[in-house]
Amino acid sequence: MKEDKKTEEFYENLKVQLEEYTDWPADYLYKFIVPASNEKIAQIEEIFDGMNAKIKTKDSSKGKYTSISIHIKMESPEKVIEKYKEVGEKVKGVISL
């Protein structure tokens, strides 16, 4: 999947911020929102499987969406961005926060 210019700029800016304000390796918090679906939650859990991640889910008040918080130790800004891209490519309808 080809990234558009805005997406590329977003990841470039994120990388600069992570390099500037964080000493690596570091704990990182990913937040995602997906349409309420056990399949989508499982897809995200699988992406972080074997990485000793702490994953919490919370359903929205009307039950249409699920927020997923993932606490994990990451090695570098590049690795953080790789995971964002992997989730975006593999999980349809995901919103990364």
N, C-alpha and C. Protein backbone atom coordinates (compact mmCIF):
# COMPACT_ATOMS: atom_id res chain seq x y z
N MET A 1 0.84 -1.17 0.00
CA MET A 1 0.00 0.00 0.00
C MET A 1 0.89 1.24 0.00
N LYS A 2 0.67 2.14 -0.95
CA LYS A 2 1.48 3.34 -1.07
C LYS A 2 0.97 4.41 -0.10
N GLU A 3 1.89 4.99 0.65
CA GLU A 3 1.51 6.03 1.60
C GLU A 3 1.33 7.35 0.87
N ASP A 4 0.35 8.12 1.30
CA ASP A 4 0.20 9.44 0.71
C ASP A 4 1.15 10.41 1.39
N LYS A 5 1.28 11.59 0.80
CA LYS A 5 2.24 12.58 1.27
C LYS A 5 1.98 12.99 2.73
N LYS A 6 0.70 13.17 3.10
CA LYS A 6 0.37 13.55 4.48
C LYS A 6 0.81 12.49 5.46
N THR A 7 0.60 11.23 5.11
CA THR A 7 0.99 10.12 5.99
C THR A 7 2.50 10.08 6.15
N GLU A 8 3.23 10.24 5.06
CA GLU A 8 4.69 10.25 5.12
C GLU A 8 5.17 11.38 6.02
N GLU A 9 4.59 12.57 5.87
CA GLU A 9 4.97 13.72 6.69
C GLU A 9 4.66 13.46 8.16
N PHE A 10 3.52 12.85 8.44
CA PHE A 10 3.15 12.53 9.82
C PHE A 10 4.21 11.64 10.45
N TYR A 11 4.61 10.57 9.76
CA TYR A 11 5.59 9.65 10.32
C TYR A 11 6.97 10.30 10.44
N GLU A 12 7.33 11.15 9.51
CA GLU A 12 8.61 11.87 9.62
C GLU A 12 8.61 12.76 10.85
N ASN A 13 7.51 13.50 11.06
CA ASN A 13 7.40 14.38 12.24
C ASN A 13 7.39 13.58 13.53
N LEU A 14 6.67 12.46 13.54
CA LEU A 14 6.64 11.60 14.72
C LEU A 14 8.05 11.11 15.06
N LYS A 15 8.78 10.67 14.04
CA LYS A 15 10.14 10.17 14.27
C LYS A 15 11.02 11.25 14.89
N VAL A 16 10.95 12.47 14.37
CA VAL A 16 11.75 13.58 14.90
C VAL A 16 11.39 13.83 16.37
N GLN A 17 10.09 13.85 16.68
CA GLN A 17 9.65 14.09 18.06
C GLN A 17 10.12 12.97 18.99
N LEU A 18 9.99 11.74 18.54
CA LEU A 18 10.41 10.61 19.38
C LEU A 18 11.91 10.64 19.62
N GLU A 19 12.68 11.00 18.62
CA GLU A 19 14.14 11.07 18.78
C GLU A 19 14.53 12.20 19.72
N GLU A 20 13.83 13.31 19.61
CA GLU A 20 14.18 14.51 20.37
C GLU A 20 13.81 14.42 21.85
N TYR A 21 12.66 13.80 22.14
CA TYR A 21 12.15 13.85 23.51
C TYR A 21 12.22 12.54 24.29
N THR A 22 12.78 11.50 23.69
CA THR A 22 12.78 10.20 24.36
C THR A 22 14.15 9.55 24.26
N ASP A 23 14.58 8.94 25.36
CA ASP A 23 15.81 8.13 25.35
C ASP A 23 15.40 6.69 25.06
N TRP A 24 16.06 6.09 24.08
CA TRP A 24 15.70 4.74 23.62
C TRP A 24 16.69 3.71 24.10
N PRO A 25 16.23 2.47 24.37
CA PRO A 25 14.86 1.95 24.33
C PRO A 25 13.98 2.61 25.40
N ALA A 26 12.67 2.61 25.15
CA ALA A 26 11.74 3.29 26.05
C ALA A 26 10.38 2.61 26.04
N ASP A 27 9.63 2.84 27.13
CA ASP A 27 8.24 2.39 27.17
C ASP A 27 7.44 3.28 26.25
N TYR A 28 6.51 2.69 25.52
CA TYR A 28 5.69 3.45 24.59
C TYR A 28 4.24 3.01 24.74
N LEU A 29 3.32 3.95 24.56
CA LEU A 29 1.90 3.67 24.65
C LEU A 29 1.26 3.88 23.28
N TYR A 30 0.79 2.79 22.71
CA TYR A 30 0.01 2.86 21.48
C TYR A 30 -1.46 2.93 21.87
N LYS A 31 -2.24 3.72 21.11
CA LYS A 31 -3.69 3.76 21.30
C LYS A 31 -4.34 3.62 19.94
N PHE A 32 -5.27 2.69 19.86
CA PHE A 32 -6.01 2.46 18.63
C PHE A 32 -7.49 2.41 18.94
N ILE A 33 -8.30 2.76 17.94
CA ILE A 33 -9.75 2.60 18.03
C ILE A 33 -10.16 1.77 16.82
N VAL A 34 -10.95 0.73 17.08
CA VAL A 34 -11.45 -0.13 16.00
C VAL A 34 -12.95 -0.30 16.16
N PRO A 35 -13.65 -0.56 15.05
CA PRO A 35 -15.06 -0.94 15.19
C PRO A 35 -15.13 -2.18 16.08
N ALA A 36 -16.11 -2.22 16.96
CA ALA A 36 -16.21 -3.34 17.91
C ALA A 36 -16.25 -4.66 17.15
N SER A 37 -15.20 -5.44 17.32
CA SER A 37 -15.08 -6.72 16.62
C SER A 37 -13.97 -7.53 17.26
N ASN A 38 -14.31 -8.72 17.74
CA ASN A 38 -13.28 -9.57 18.34
C ASN A 38 -12.19 -9.89 17.33
N GLU A 39 -12.55 -9.97 16.05
CA GLU A 39 -11.56 -10.27 15.01
C GLU A 39 -10.53 -9.15 14.90
N LYS A 40 -10.97 -7.91 14.92
CA LYS A 40 -10.04 -6.78 14.79
C LYS A 40 -9.15 -6.67 16.02
N ILE A 41 -9.71 -6.90 17.20
CA ILE A 41 -8.91 -6.88 18.42
C ILE A 41 -7.86 -7.98 18.35
N ALA A 42 -8.26 -9.16 17.91
CA ALA A 42 -7.31 -10.28 17.79
C ALA A 42 -6.21 -9.98 16.77
N GLN A 43 -6.54 -9.28 15.69
CA GLN A 43 -5.53 -8.93 14.69
C GLN A 43 -4.45 -8.02 15.32
N ILE A 44 -4.89 -7.04 16.09
CA ILE A 44 -3.93 -6.15 16.73
C ILE A 44 -3.12 -6.89 17.78
N GLU A 45 -3.78 -7.73 18.58
CA GLU A 45 -3.05 -8.52 19.58
C GLU A 45 -2.00 -9.40 18.92
N GLU A 46 -2.32 -9.96 17.77
CA GLU A 46 -1.38 -10.82 17.06
C GLU A 46 -0.15 -10.04 16.59
N ILE A 47 -0.33 -8.80 16.17
CA ILE A 47 0.79 -7.97 15.71
C ILE A 47 1.79 -7.74 16.84
N PHE A 48 1.30 -7.66 18.08
CA PHE A 48 2.17 -7.41 19.22
C PHE A 48 2.49 -8.69 20.01
N ASP A 49 2.08 -9.84 19.48
CA ASP A 49 2.30 -11.12 20.15
C ASP A 49 3.79 -11.40 20.33
N GLY A 50 4.14 -11.92 21.50
CA GLY A 50 5.53 -12.28 21.78
C GLY A 50 6.43 -11.11 22.10
N MET A 51 5.84 -9.92 22.29
CA MET A 51 6.65 -8.72 22.57
C MET A 51 6.49 -8.24 24.01
N ASN A 52 5.85 -9.07 24.85
CA ASN A 52 5.65 -8.73 26.26
C ASN A 52 4.85 -7.43 26.42
N ALA A 53 3.87 -7.24 25.56
CA ALA A 53 3.03 -6.04 25.60
C ALA A 53 1.90 -6.22 26.60
N LYS A 54 1.53 -5.13 27.26
CA LYS A 54 0.35 -5.12 28.13
C LYS A 54 -0.77 -4.46 27.34
N ILE A 55 -1.80 -5.24 27.06
CA ILE A 55 -2.89 -4.77 26.20
C ILE A 55 -4.18 -4.66 27.00
N LYS A 56 -4.82 -3.48 26.91
CA LYS A 56 -6.10 -3.25 27.57
C LYS A 56 -7.11 -2.81 26.52
N THR A 57 -8.32 -3.30 26.65
CA THR A 57 -9.39 -2.88 25.74
C THR A 57 -10.53 -2.28 26.53
N LYS A 58 -11.24 -1.36 25.89
CA LYS A 58 -12.42 -0.75 26.52
C LYS A 58 -13.43 -0.45 25.43
N ASP A 59 -14.66 -0.94 25.64
CA ASP A 59 -15.73 -0.69 24.68
C ASP A 59 -16.29 0.72 24.87
N SER A 60 -16.72 1.32 23.76
CA SER A 60 -17.36 2.63 23.83
C SER A 60 -18.70 2.52 24.54
N SER A 61 -19.26 3.65 24.94
CA SER A 61 -20.50 3.63 25.71
C SER A 61 -21.66 2.97 24.95
N LYS A 62 -21.69 3.11 23.63
CA LYS A 62 -22.76 2.50 22.85
C LYS A 62 -22.34 1.16 22.25
N GLY A 63 -21.11 0.75 22.51
CA GLY A 63 -20.66 -0.57 22.07
C GLY A 63 -20.29 -0.68 20.60
N LYS A 64 -20.20 0.45 19.90
CA LYS A 64 -19.86 0.40 18.47
C LYS A 64 -18.35 0.30 18.22
N TYR A 65 -17.57 0.80 19.17
CA TYR A 65 -16.12 0.84 19.00
C TYR A 65 -15.42 0.28 20.22
N THR A 66 -14.18 -0.11 20.01
CA THR A 66 -13.32 -0.57 21.10
C THR A 66 -12.02 0.20 21.04
N SER A 67 -11.60 0.74 22.18
CA SER A 67 -10.29 1.37 22.23
C SER A 67 -9.30 0.34 22.78
N ILE A 68 -8.12 0.35 22.20
CA ILE A 68 -7.08 -0.60 22.58
C ILE A 68 -5.84 0.20 22.98
N SER A 69 -5.37 -0.01 24.20
CA SER A 69 -4.14 0.62 24.70
C SER A 69 -3.08 -0.46 24.84
N ILE A 70 -1.90 -0.17 24.33
CA ILE A 70 -0.82 -1.15 24.36
C ILE A 70 0.41 -0.49 24.96
N HIS A 71 0.83 -0.97 26.15
CA HIS A 71 2.07 -0.51 26.78
C HIS A 71 3.15 -1.52 26.41
N ILE A 72 4.26 -1.00 25.88
CA ILE A 72 5.31 -1.90 25.41
C ILE A 72 6.65 -1.19 25.40
N LYS A 73 7.71 -1.94 25.63
CA LYS A 73 9.06 -1.39 25.52
C LYS A 73 9.50 -1.52 24.07
N MET A 74 9.86 -0.38 23.47
CA MET A 74 10.29 -0.36 22.07
C MET A 74 11.76 0.07 21.99
N GLU A 75 12.43 -0.41 20.97
CA GLU A 75 13.87 -0.19 20.83
C GLU A 75 14.23 1.16 20.22
N SER A 76 13.37 1.69 19.33
CA SER A 76 13.74 2.92 18.61
C SER A 76 12.50 3.55 17.99
N PRO A 77 12.60 4.83 17.59
CA PRO A 77 11.49 5.46 16.89
C PRO A 77 11.10 4.71 15.61
N GLU A 78 12.07 4.17 14.92
CA GLU A 78 11.79 3.41 13.69
C GLU A 78 10.92 2.20 13.99
N LYS A 79 11.20 1.51 15.09
CA LYS A 79 10.40 0.33 15.47
C LYS A 79 8.97 0.74 15.84
N VAL A 80 8.82 1.88 16.51
CA VAL A 80 7.49 2.38 16.86
C VAL A 80 6.68 2.61 15.59
N ILE A 81 7.29 3.27 14.63
CA ILE A 81 6.61 3.60 13.38
C ILE A 81 6.31 2.35 12.57
N GLU A 82 7.22 1.39 12.58
CA GLU A 82 6.97 0.12 11.87
C GLU A 82 5.69 -0.54 12.37
N LYS A 83 5.47 -0.52 13.68
CA LYS A 83 4.26 -1.14 14.25
C LYS A 83 3.00 -0.37 13.86
N TYR A 84 3.08 0.97 13.88
CA TYR A 84 1.93 1.76 13.44
C TYR A 84 1.56 1.39 12.00
N LYS A 85 2.57 1.31 11.14
CA LYS A 85 2.33 0.98 9.73
C LYS A 85 1.77 -0.42 9.57
N GLU A 86 2.31 -1.37 10.35
CA GLU A 86 1.83 -2.75 10.26
C GLU A 86 0.36 -2.85 10.66
N VAL A 87 -0.01 -2.17 11.74
CA VAL A 87 -1.41 -2.19 12.18
C VAL A 87 -2.29 -1.54 11.11
N GLY A 88 -1.85 -0.41 10.57
CA GLY A 88 -2.62 0.28 9.54
C GLY A 88 -2.84 -0.56 8.28
N GLU A 89 -1.83 -1.36 7.94
CA GLU A 89 -1.93 -2.20 6.74
C GLU A 89 -2.80 -3.44 6.97
N LYS A 90 -2.74 -4.02 8.17
CA LYS A 90 -3.39 -5.31 8.42
C LYS A 90 -4.79 -5.21 8.99
N VAL A 91 -5.13 -4.10 9.64
CA VAL A 91 -6.41 -3.99 10.35
C VAL A 91 -7.26 -2.91 9.67
N LYS A 92 -8.26 -3.33 8.94
CA LYS A 92 -9.16 -2.39 8.23
C LYS A 92 -9.99 -1.60 9.24
N GLY A 93 -10.09 -0.30 8.99
CA GLY A 93 -10.94 0.55 9.82
C GLY A 93 -10.31 1.01 11.11
N VAL A 94 -9.03 0.74 11.33
CA VAL A 94 -8.37 1.15 12.57
C VAL A 94 -8.05 2.65 12.54
N ILE A 95 -8.16 3.28 13.68
CA ILE A 95 -7.75 4.66 13.87
C ILE A 95 -6.60 4.64 14.86
N SER A 96 -5.48 5.20 14.47
CA SER A 96 -4.30 5.28 15.35
C SER A 96 -4.29 6.64 16.02
N LEU A 97 -4.10 6.63 17.34
CA LEU A 97 -4.06 7.91 18.08
C LEU A 97 -2.65 8.18 18.55
